[in-house]
Amino acid sequence: MSFSKLAINSGKWVTLSTIIQTGIQFAQIAILARFLDSSDFGIVAMSNVFIAFFLTFADLGFSNSIIHKQETDQRILSTVYYVNILLGVSMFIIVYFASPLVVAFYNEPRLSKVINVTAFIFLFIYLGSIPAILLKKELRFKSIAIIDITGNAVGFLLMIFLAYKGYKELSIVYGGLVTHAIRTILEIYYGRHLFTPKLHFKIKEIKAHLKFGMFNLGETFVGFVQSNWDNIIIGKILGPKYLGIYTLAMQLGYYPISKLNPLILQVAYPLIAKIKDDEAILKRTYLKILDILSYFNYPLLAGLYITVESVVPLVYGPGWSETFPLVRIFIFVSAFSCLAHPLFTIAYSKGKPNYLFYLSIVTLVIKIPLVFVLGKYWHITGVAIGILITNIISLILNFKMVNYLIGDFIEEFLKNIIKPIFFCLIMVFVIYIYKSLIGYEGIYHTVTQVLIGGVIYISLTLKYKYSLKDILEVRKSL
């Protein structure tokens, strides 16, 4: 299969996987919000912060290093595999026996069982680590799609069943554990032709991967701190109830980009790693990624912003009105964040993971005091505003790094992004008129608003960006 056909085929499977998983996770959130209360979600969020800290050491940066270096040596991969397994066992022991410290920190006894059960993830996720990396490196996204869909579907069904049976926060924990277990089994099965562990273990042979991975690990660790600092502050000071409200608002505000961005970027990185030496193609590809992200993300975010009073009751049920202002703030956070994500494809492809580490350090230094001060005076709303300000500053620094790595791109980027922003403003204005004159409560008005927004945005895009003829020609050529 040619390189272009391989890329197209990969995109097809990633798209299908993302659509199905988005539907599963959307239904999961909607159903669980009707069985669980805010404190249940808050307990899980507290546990996730602790677990996520150890997951930052998940593969010591080996994943990106193996893809960047296009590693194929089975002996080197075997050494990496055994290092990962030793790491997993170590993480399980530490997490399991350190849980009382977390319980004492939050003064929340319910956390103990949640953390102890979740700790078992570390015993098996590493077993499928190398097969999973190689499947991605070789663009085997059909296999990856089957793995992700199957794991999430089974985990979803178990969560809903347990929540119905009254397991509360543990329904999420057990469901997540089963999801990871199934994914690991399938990763080993589908990756068996790409990797079979050998009885070979020599640390000195993976020094290059360790060196590359150290900055990746550092960036991931710092990223963890800055990504979870808000949850730590809210959980410690305000308790699980407000952390649950904050978590659900953040999930909905981030929802569009959390599904669409990986859809594009998980294919983009392995492809860019193969064309990293052609500067002109690299810049064009980066600009195209930004263009695609803005054209697909911005109408979803703008639509959610103007329909939040309609969408939240439909998704979470009644009683979640406290999330309205927070969701709107996180929509703006998402609008800036989605443009920052493609930097990693450039940095890793250029062999510069240290750039991401430096950016994370600077962002962390800005975020910690900002979130703490604003949170102290305006509680969870202040925390969300602090996150927004931090993301704006981070995006500016992000673009400066990209400019250094691939050359000037800002002028062309601004020309491209003006149109989707303008289209979104028109869409929001028309929906606002509809809400003011006709109404917005209930599924009928919500669906109508979505249809109005979709027709306006698609019509403007076809008229002023991509004509129907262009789309048909692209489809024909593909």
Protein backbone atom coordinates (compact mmCIF):
# COMPACT_ATOMS: atom_id res chain seq x y z
CA MET A 1 0.00 0.00 0.00
CA SER A 2 1.34 3.46 -0.93
CA PHE A 3 2.16 6.06 1.72
CA SER A 4 -0.80 8.28 0.79
CA LYS A 5 -3.25 5.37 0.76
CA LEU A 6 -1.89 4.20 4.10
CA ALA A 7 -2.47 7.66 5.56
CA ILE A 8 -6.02 7.79 4.17
CA ASN A 9 -6.83 4.31 5.46
CA SER A 10 -5.42 5.23 8.88
CA GLY A 11 -7.56 8.36 9.01
CA LYS A 12 -10.66 6.35 8.10
CA TRP A 13 -10.21 3.92 10.99
CA VAL A 14 -9.29 6.62 13.49
CA THR A 15 -12.39 8.56 12.45
CA LEU A 16 -14.65 5.53 12.85
CA SER A 17 -13.11 4.69 16.21
CA THR A 18 -13.46 8.26 17.46
CA ILE A 19 -17.10 8.54 16.40
CA ILE A 20 -18.06 5.29 18.12
CA GLN A 21 -16.05 6.02 21.26
CA THR A 22 -17.48 9.54 21.42
CA GLY A 23 -20.98 8.10 21.35
CA ILE A 24 -20.11 5.56 24.05
CA GLN A 25 -18.50 8.11 26.34
CA PHE A 26 -21.24 10.68 25.78
CA ALA A 27 -23.86 8.10 26.74
CA GLN A 28 -21.71 7.05 29.70
CA ILE A 29 -21.53 10.57 31.12
CA ALA A 30 -25.22 11.20 30.52
CA ILE A 31 -26.34 7.98 32.20
CA LEU A 32 -23.90 8.05 35.12
CA ALA A 33 -24.88 11.65 35.94
CA ARG A 34 -28.40 10.34 36.59
CA PHE A 35 -27.29 7.56 38.93
CA LEU A 36 -24.41 9.26 40.76
CA ASP A 37 -24.15 12.57 42.59
CA SER A 38 -21.42 15.23 42.43
CA SER A 39 -19.51 13.79 45.41
CA ASP A 40 -19.21 10.41 43.65
CA PHE A 41 -17.59 12.09 40.66
CA GLY A 42 -15.45 14.13 43.04
CA ILE A 43 -14.12 11.01 44.80
CA VAL A 44 -13.11 9.48 41.46
CA ALA A 45 -11.50 12.78 40.41
CA MET A 46 -9.42 12.81 43.61
CA SER A 47 -8.27 9.26 42.95
CA ASN A 48 -7.53 10.04 39.31
CA VAL A 49 -5.15 12.83 40.29
CA PHE A 50 -3.12 10.39 42.39
CA ILE A 51 -3.19 7.62 39.77
CA ALA A 52 -2.41 10.04 36.95
CA PHE A 53 0.72 11.14 38.79
CA PHE A 54 2.17 7.62 38.54
CA LEU A 55 0.89 7.17 34.99
CA THR A 56 3.19 10.04 33.97
CA PHE A 57 5.96 7.45 34.33
CA ALA A 58 3.99 5.02 32.16
CA ASP A 59 6.68 4.28 29.59
CA LEU A 60 9.52 6.71 30.42
CA GLY A 61 8.89 8.43 27.10
CA PHE A 62 9.61 5.24 25.14
CA SER A 63 6.45 5.52 23.05
CA ASN A 64 7.40 8.73 21.27
CA SER A 65 11.06 7.72 21.11
CA ILE A 66 10.30 4.41 19.37
CA ILE A 67 8.11 6.17 16.80
CA HIS A 68 10.62 9.00 16.28
CA LYS A 69 13.55 6.62 15.77
CA GLN A 70 11.42 4.09 13.84
CA GLU A 71 12.87 1.38 16.10
CA THR A 72 12.64 -2.23 14.81
CA ASP A 73 15.37 -4.09 16.74
CA GLN A 74 13.55 -6.82 18.70
CA ARG A 75 16.34 -7.03 21.29
CA ILE A 76 16.08 -3.33 22.10
CA LEU A 77 12.30 -3.54 22.19
CA SER A 78 12.52 -6.54 24.55
CA THR A 79 14.68 -4.58 26.96
CA VAL A 80 12.22 -1.70 26.88
CA TYR A 81 9.39 -4.18 27.46
CA TYR A 82 10.99 -5.66 30.60
CA VAL A 83 11.80 -2.20 31.93
CA ASN A 84 8.14 -1.29 31.54
CA ILE A 85 6.97 -4.41 33.38
CA LEU A 86 9.35 -3.75 36.29
CA LEU A 87 8.05 -0.19 36.34
CA GLY A 88 4.45 -1.39 36.45
CA VAL A 89 5.02 -3.71 39.40
CA SER A 90 6.84 -0.93 41.25
CA MET A 91 4.01 1.53 40.59
CA PHE A 92 1.41 -0.95 41.87
CA ILE A 93 3.27 -1.47 45.15
CA ILE A 94 3.79 2.25 45.70
CA VAL A 95 0.21 3.25 44.86
CA TYR A 96 -1.37 0.46 46.91
CA PHE A 97 0.57 1.19 50.07
CA ALA A 98 0.58 4.98 49.71
CA SER A 99 -3.22 5.25 49.56
CA PRO A 100 -3.55 6.09 53.30
CA LEU A 101 -1.52 9.26 52.69
CA VAL A 102 -3.96 10.40 50.03
CA VAL A 103 -6.93 9.56 52.27
CA ALA A 104 -5.38 11.64 55.05
CA PHE A 105 -4.60 14.55 52.68
CA TYR A 106 -8.20 14.86 51.49
CA ASN A 107 -9.70 13.55 54.77
CA GLU A 108 -11.95 11.31 52.68
CA PRO A 109 -12.21 7.63 53.81
CA ARG A 110 -14.06 6.57 50.64
CA LEU A 111 -10.87 7.14 48.68
CA SER A 112 -9.10 4.14 50.20
CA LYS A 113 -10.95 1.38 48.33
CA VAL A 114 -11.13 3.42 45.11
CA ILE A 115 -7.33 3.84 44.99
CA ASN A 116 -6.56 0.26 46.06
CA VAL A 117 -8.74 -1.19 43.30
CA THR A 118 -7.45 1.23 40.65
CA ALA A 119 -3.84 0.33 41.53
CA PHE A 120 -4.28 -3.06 39.81
CA ILE A 121 -4.21 -1.25 36.46
CA PHE A 122 -0.42 -1.02 36.77
CA LEU A 123 -0.07 -4.81 36.86
CA PHE A 124 -1.32 -5.34 33.33
CA ILE A 125 -1.25 -2.16 31.21
CA TYR A 126 2.50 -2.54 30.65
CA LEU A 127 2.06 -6.02 29.21
CA GLY A 128 0.60 -4.49 26.06
CA SER A 129 2.79 -1.40 25.96
CA ILE A 130 5.26 -2.37 23.20
CA PRO A 131 2.65 -4.01 20.93
CA ALA A 132 0.50 -0.86 21.28
CA ILE A 133 3.42 1.42 20.35
CA LEU A 134 4.35 -0.68 17.33
CA LEU A 135 0.76 -0.80 16.09
CA LYS A 136 0.77 2.99 16.09
CA LYS A 137 4.23 3.22 14.51
CA GLU A 138 3.17 0.96 11.65
CA LEU A 139 -0.12 2.85 11.24
CA ARG A 140 -2.21 -0.22 12.10
CA PHE A 141 -5.14 1.96 13.08
CA LYS A 142 -7.75 -0.63 12.17
CA SER A 143 -6.42 -2.85 14.94
CA ILE A 144 -6.15 0.11 17.31
CA ALA A 145 -9.76 1.05 16.54
CA ILE A 146 -11.00 -2.46 17.35
CA ILE A 147 -9.02 -2.45 20.60
CA ASP A 148 -10.31 0.93 21.74
CA ILE A 149 -13.93 0.36 20.76
CA THR A 150 -14.13 -3.09 22.35
CA GLY A 151 -12.49 -2.02 25.61
CA ASN A 152 -14.62 1.11 26.01
CA ALA A 153 -17.86 -0.64 25.07
CA VAL A 154 -17.44 -3.44 27.63
CA GLY A 155 -16.26 -1.01 30.31
CA PHE A 156 -19.23 1.27 29.61
CA LEU A 157 -21.78 -1.52 29.98
CA LEU A 158 -20.20 -2.65 33.25
CA MET A 159 -20.16 0.91 34.65
CA ILE A 160 -23.85 1.43 33.91
CA PHE A 161 -24.82 -1.97 35.37
CA LEU A 162 -22.84 -1.36 38.57
CA ALA A 163 -24.12 2.21 38.93
CA TYR A 164 -27.69 0.89 38.62
CA LYS A 165 -26.90 -1.70 41.31
CA GLY A 166 -25.76 1.05 43.69
CA TYR A 167 -21.97 0.71 43.54
CA LYS A 168 -21.69 4.54 43.31
CA GLU A 169 -18.10 5.71 42.66
CA LEU A 170 -16.83 2.11 42.49
CA SER A 171 -18.92 1.55 39.35
CA ILE A 172 -16.56 3.92 37.48
CA VAL A 173 -13.49 2.28 39.01
CA TYR A 174 -14.42 -1.32 38.15
CA GLY A 175 -15.54 -0.29 34.69
CA GLY A 176 -12.24 1.46 34.04
CA LEU A 177 -10.26 -1.53 35.30
CA VAL A 178 -12.05 -3.90 32.91
CA THR A 179 -11.60 -1.44 30.03
CA HIS A 180 -7.81 -1.43 30.50
CA ALA A 181 -7.66 -5.22 30.96
CA ILE A 182 -9.48 -5.90 27.69
CA ARG A 183 -7.37 -3.37 25.81
CA THR A 184 -4.17 -5.00 27.07
CA ILE A 185 -5.31 -8.47 25.98
CA LEU A 186 -6.23 -7.20 22.51
CA GLU A 187 -2.98 -5.20 22.16
CA ILE A 188 -0.99 -8.36 22.76
CA TYR A 189 -3.15 -10.31 20.30
CA TYR A 190 -3.03 -7.78 17.45
CA GLY A 191 0.62 -6.94 18.02
CA ARG A 192 1.87 -10.51 18.20
CA HIS A 193 3.25 -10.38 14.64
CA LEU A 194 5.13 -7.16 15.36
CA PHE A 195 6.69 -8.09 18.68
CA THR A 196 7.52 -11.23 20.63
CA PRO A 197 9.58 -10.68 23.80
CA LYS A 198 13.06 -12.21 23.71
CA LEU A 199 15.19 -13.27 26.67
CA HIS A 200 17.33 -10.19 26.26
CA PHE A 201 17.92 -7.36 28.74
CA LYS A 202 20.72 -4.79 28.33
CA ILE A 203 20.08 -1.28 29.62
CA LYS A 204 23.06 0.18 27.75
CA GLU A 205 21.38 -0.67 24.43
CA ILE A 206 18.44 1.64 25.14
CA LYS A 207 20.46 4.69 26.25
CA ALA A 208 19.38 6.65 23.16
CA HIS A 209 15.72 5.98 23.95
CA LEU A 210 16.24 6.89 27.60
CA LYS A 211 17.91 10.16 26.65
CA PHE A 212 15.07 11.06 24.29
CA GLY A 213 12.50 9.92 26.82
CA MET A 214 13.87 11.89 29.77
CA PHE A 215 12.71 15.22 28.36
CA ASN A 216 9.45 13.60 27.29
CA LEU A 217 9.05 12.26 30.82
CA GLY A 218 9.93 15.63 32.32
CA GLU A 219 7.43 17.39 30.10
CA THR A 220 4.76 14.82 30.96
CA PHE A 221 5.43 15.15 34.69
CA VAL A 222 5.32 18.94 34.65
CA GLY A 223 2.24 18.72 32.43
CA PHE A 224 0.60 16.51 35.03
CA VAL A 225 1.21 19.04 37.79
CA GLN A 226 -0.17 21.95 35.79
CA SER A 227 -3.12 19.90 34.49
CA ASN A 228 -4.11 18.69 37.96
CA TRP A 229 -3.17 21.64 40.15
CA ASP A 230 -6.75 22.95 39.93
CA ASN A 231 -8.21 19.58 40.96
CA ILE A 232 -5.82 19.33 43.89
CA ILE A 233 -6.74 22.83 45.14
CA ILE A 234 -10.49 22.33 44.77
CA GLY A 235 -10.47 18.81 46.25
CA LYS A 236 -8.43 19.87 49.26
CA ILE A 237 -10.17 23.18 50.02
CA LEU A 238 -13.75 22.78 48.77
CA GLY A 239 -14.24 19.00 48.96
CA PRO A 240 -15.63 16.31 46.62
CA LYS A 241 -18.97 18.02 45.90
CA TYR A 242 -17.46 21.09 44.25
CA LEU A 243 -14.72 19.04 42.65
CA GLY A 244 -17.45 16.89 41.07
CA ILE A 245 -19.23 19.99 39.70
CA TYR A 246 -15.95 21.37 38.38
CA THR A 247 -14.99 18.03 36.82
CA LEU A 248 -18.26 17.59 34.93
CA ALA A 249 -18.14 21.19 33.66
CA MET A 250 -14.55 20.71 32.50
CA GLN A 251 -15.37 17.40 30.79
CA LEU A 252 -18.19 18.98 28.79
CA GLY A 253 -16.18 22.10 27.92
CA TYR A 254 -13.24 20.01 26.74
CA TYR A 255 -15.41 17.34 25.12
CA PRO A 256 -15.25 18.53 21.48
CA ILE A 257 -11.46 18.88 21.33
CA SER A 258 -10.83 15.81 23.49
CA LYS A 259 -12.42 13.72 20.73
CA LEU A 260 -11.48 15.57 17.55
CA ASN A 261 -7.86 16.50 18.28
CA PRO A 262 -6.65 12.92 18.95
CA LEU A 263 -8.52 11.86 15.82
CA ILE A 264 -6.21 14.06 13.76
CA LEU A 265 -3.01 14.10 15.80
CA GLN A 266 -2.58 10.38 16.49
CA VAL A 267 -2.37 9.87 12.72
CA ALA A 268 -0.44 13.08 12.11
CA TYR A 269 2.55 12.29 14.36
CA PRO A 270 3.59 8.93 12.84
CA LEU A 271 3.16 10.46 9.38
CA ILE A 272 5.13 13.62 10.18
CA ALA A 273 7.88 11.47 11.70
CA LYS A 274 8.35 9.99 8.22
CA ILE A 275 8.60 13.40 6.44
CA LYS A 276 10.46 15.33 9.16
CA ASP A 277 13.41 16.22 6.90
CA ASP A 278 11.38 18.15 4.31
CA GLU A 279 10.95 21.62 5.83
CA ALA A 280 8.47 22.92 3.23
CA ILE A 281 6.14 19.93 3.55
CA LEU A 282 6.45 20.06 7.35
CA LYS A 283 5.27 23.68 7.49
CA ARG A 284 2.40 23.06 5.06
CA THR A 285 1.34 20.02 7.04
CA TYR A 286 1.40 21.93 10.35
CA LEU A 287 -0.70 24.78 8.90
CA LYS A 288 -3.13 22.28 7.43
CA ILE A 289 -3.49 20.61 10.84
CA LEU A 290 -4.25 23.98 12.46
CA ASP A 291 -6.73 24.75 9.70
CA ILE A 292 -8.55 21.44 10.14
CA LEU A 293 -8.61 21.74 13.94
CA SER A 294 -10.08 25.25 13.85
CA TYR A 295 -12.69 24.47 11.18
CA PHE A 296 -13.99 21.42 13.01
CA ASN A 297 -13.50 22.43 16.66
CA TYR A 298 -14.70 26.03 16.63
CA PRO A 299 -18.28 25.46 15.43
CA LEU A 300 -18.70 22.69 18.03
CA LEU A 301 -17.36 24.94 20.78
CA ALA A 302 -19.40 27.96 19.63
CA GLY A 303 -22.52 25.83 19.41
CA LEU A 304 -21.99 24.47 22.91
CA TYR A 305 -21.38 28.00 24.24
CA ILE A 306 -24.72 29.36 23.02
CA THR A 307 -26.75 26.23 23.87
CA VAL A 308 -25.26 25.37 27.25
CA GLU A 309 -28.54 25.98 29.14
CA SER A 310 -30.22 23.50 26.81
CA VAL A 311 -27.44 20.93 26.53
CA VAL A 312 -26.44 20.47 30.18
CA PRO A 313 -29.92 19.40 31.43
CA LEU A 314 -30.19 16.97 28.51
CA VAL A 315 -26.75 15.49 29.12
CA TYR A 316 -26.50 15.50 32.92
CA GLY A 317 -30.16 15.77 33.89
CA PRO A 318 -31.68 18.44 36.17
CA GLY A 319 -29.77 19.97 39.07
CA TRP A 320 -26.50 20.82 37.32
CA SER A 321 -27.10 24.53 36.63
CA GLU A 322 -23.98 25.41 38.65
CA THR A 323 -21.91 24.08 35.75
CA PHE A 324 -23.24 26.65 33.21
CA PRO A 325 -20.70 29.46 33.75
CA LEU A 326 -17.85 26.97 34.19
CA VAL A 327 -18.65 25.18 30.93
CA ARG A 328 -18.54 28.52 29.08
CA ILE A 329 -15.13 29.34 30.52
CA PHE A 330 -13.77 25.92 29.58
CA ILE A 331 -15.06 26.37 26.04
CA PHE A 332 -12.66 29.31 25.65
CA VAL A 333 -9.92 27.23 27.27
CA SER A 334 -10.57 24.55 24.64
CA ALA A 335 -10.49 27.10 21.82
CA PHE A 336 -6.90 28.03 22.72
CA SER A 337 -5.81 24.54 23.75
CA CYS A 338 -6.79 22.88 20.46
CA LEU A 339 -4.33 25.13 18.59
CA ALA A 340 -1.52 24.34 21.04
CA HIS A 341 -1.69 20.54 20.72
CA PRO A 342 0.03 20.18 17.29
CA LEU A 343 3.34 21.49 18.69
CA PHE A 344 4.21 18.00 19.96
CA THR A 345 4.11 16.59 16.40
CA ILE A 346 6.74 19.14 15.34
CA ALA A 347 8.88 18.92 18.49
CA TYR A 348 9.06 15.12 18.56
CA SER A 349 9.60 14.87 14.80
CA LYS A 350 12.46 17.34 15.06
CA GLY A 351 13.94 15.43 18.00
CA LYS A 352 13.31 18.36 20.35
CA PRO A 353 11.21 17.00 23.23
CA ASN A 354 13.12 19.37 25.51
CA TYR A 355 11.14 22.27 23.99
CA LEU A 356 7.91 20.82 25.35
CA PHE A 357 9.56 20.37 28.74
CA TYR A 358 10.67 24.01 28.86
CA LEU A 359 7.22 25.20 27.81
CA SER A 360 5.59 23.10 30.53
CA ILE A 361 7.93 24.53 33.17
CA VAL A 362 7.11 28.12 32.23
CA THR A 363 3.39 27.38 32.06
CA LEU A 364 3.51 25.72 35.47
CA VAL A 365 5.26 28.70 37.05
CA ILE A 366 2.49 30.95 35.71
CA LYS A 367 -0.40 28.64 36.53
CA ILE A 368 0.25 27.68 40.16
CA PRO A 369 0.05 31.16 41.74
CA LEU A 370 -2.61 32.37 39.31
CA VAL A 371 -5.01 29.50 40.00
CA PHE A 372 -4.37 29.66 43.74
CA VAL A 373 -5.01 33.41 44.05
CA LEU A 374 -8.07 33.53 41.78
CA GLY A 375 -9.46 30.37 43.37
CA LYS A 376 -9.06 31.87 46.84
CA TYR A 377 -11.29 34.84 45.97
CA TRP A 378 -13.73 33.39 43.40
CA HIS A 379 -13.67 29.67 44.23
CA ILE A 380 -14.19 27.25 41.32
CA THR A 381 -15.01 30.09 38.91
CA GLY A 382 -11.73 31.80 39.79
CA VAL A 383 -9.84 28.54 39.24
CA ALA A 384 -11.38 28.18 35.77
CA ILE A 385 -10.49 31.78 34.88
CA GLY A 386 -6.91 31.13 36.02
CA ILE A 387 -6.77 28.12 33.69
CA LEU A 388 -8.01 30.28 30.80
CA ILE A 389 -5.41 33.02 31.33
CA THR A 390 -2.66 30.41 31.60
CA ASN A 391 -3.72 28.77 28.34
CA ILE A 392 -3.67 32.08 26.47
CA ILE A 393 -0.10 32.79 27.61
CA SER A 394 0.95 29.21 26.89
CA LEU A 395 -0.40 29.38 23.31
CA ILE A 396 1.62 32.53 22.62
CA LEU A 397 4.81 30.79 23.81
CA ASN A 398 3.79 27.67 21.90
CA PHE A 399 3.58 29.57 18.61
CA LYS A 400 6.95 31.20 19.22
CA MET A 401 8.54 27.76 19.51
CA VAL A 402 6.86 26.52 16.33
CA ASN A 403 8.01 29.65 14.54
CA TYR A 404 11.59 28.85 15.55
CA LEU A 405 11.35 25.20 14.47
CA ILE A 406 9.67 25.57 11.06
CA GLY A 407 9.91 29.26 10.20
CA ASP A 408 7.36 32.08 10.05
CA PHE A 409 3.78 30.83 9.79
CA ILE A 410 1.73 33.34 11.82
CA GLU A 411 0.55 35.51 8.93
CA GLU A 412 -0.83 32.58 6.94
CA PHE A 413 -2.32 31.05 10.10
CA LEU A 414 -4.21 34.29 10.90
CA LYS A 415 -5.56 34.48 7.37
CA ASN A 416 -6.86 30.93 7.70
CA ILE A 417 -8.45 31.28 11.13
CA ILE A 418 -10.40 34.50 10.49
CA LYS A 419 -13.05 32.69 8.46
CA PRO A 420 -14.05 29.97 10.96
CA ILE A 421 -14.20 32.56 13.76
CA PHE A 422 -16.40 34.85 11.65
CA PHE A 423 -18.65 31.95 10.66
CA CYS A 424 -19.02 30.99 14.32
CA LEU A 425 -20.01 34.53 15.33
CA ILE A 426 -22.77 34.57 12.70
CA MET A 427 -23.94 31.14 13.86
CA VAL A 428 -24.03 32.20 17.53
CA PHE A 429 -25.91 35.42 16.72
CA VAL A 430 -28.66 33.61 14.81
CA ILE A 431 -29.08 30.97 17.54
CA TYR A 432 -29.22 33.74 20.16
CA ILE A 433 -32.08 35.37 18.26
CA TYR A 434 -33.89 32.04 18.11
CA LYS A 435 -33.45 31.50 21.87
CA SER A 436 -34.68 35.00 22.68
CA LEU A 437 -37.74 34.93 20.44
CA ILE A 438 -38.82 31.28 20.48
CA GLY A 439 -37.20 29.41 23.41
CA TYR A 440 -34.43 27.01 24.34
CA GLU A 441 -35.66 24.49 26.91
CA GLY A 442 -36.30 20.89 25.97
CA ILE A 443 -35.00 18.51 23.34
CA TYR A 444 -37.04 20.08 20.52
CA HIS A 445 -35.46 23.52 20.90
CA THR A 446 -32.01 22.02 21.48
CA VAL A 447 -32.14 19.95 18.29
CA THR A 448 -33.50 22.92 16.35
CA GLN A 449 -30.66 25.17 17.55
CA VAL A 450 -28.08 22.53 16.60
CA LEU A 451 -29.61 22.17 13.13
CA ILE A 452 -29.72 25.94 12.60
CA GLY A 453 -26.10 26.32 13.66
CA GLY A 454 -24.97 23.39 11.51
CA VAL A 455 -26.75 24.65 8.40
CA ILE A 456 -25.31 28.16 8.80
CA TYR A 457 -21.73 27.03 9.40
CA ILE A 458 -21.70 24.39 6.66
CA SER A 459 -23.31 26.79 4.17
CA LEU A 460 -20.75 29.51 4.87
CA THR A 461 -17.91 26.98 4.65
CA LEU A 462 -19.11 25.67 1.29
CA LYS A 463 -19.58 29.21 -0.01
CA TYR A 464 -16.36 30.83 1.18
CA LYS A 465 -13.91 28.02 2.05
CA TYR A 466 -14.47 24.71 0.28
CA SER A 467 -16.91 24.44 -2.61
CA LEU A 468 -18.92 21.28 -3.15
CA LYS A 469 -16.95 20.79 -6.36
CA ASP A 470 -13.68 20.89 -4.37
CA ILE A 471 -14.97 18.31 -1.92
CA LEU A 472 -16.13 15.98 -4.72
CA GLU A 473 -12.79 16.34 -6.49
CA VAL A 474 -10.88 15.50 -3.32
CA ARG A 475 -13.14 12.51 -2.71
CA LYS A 476 -12.60 11.34 -6.30
CA SER A 477 -8.83 11.67 -6.03
CA LEU A 478 -8.80 9.74 -2.76
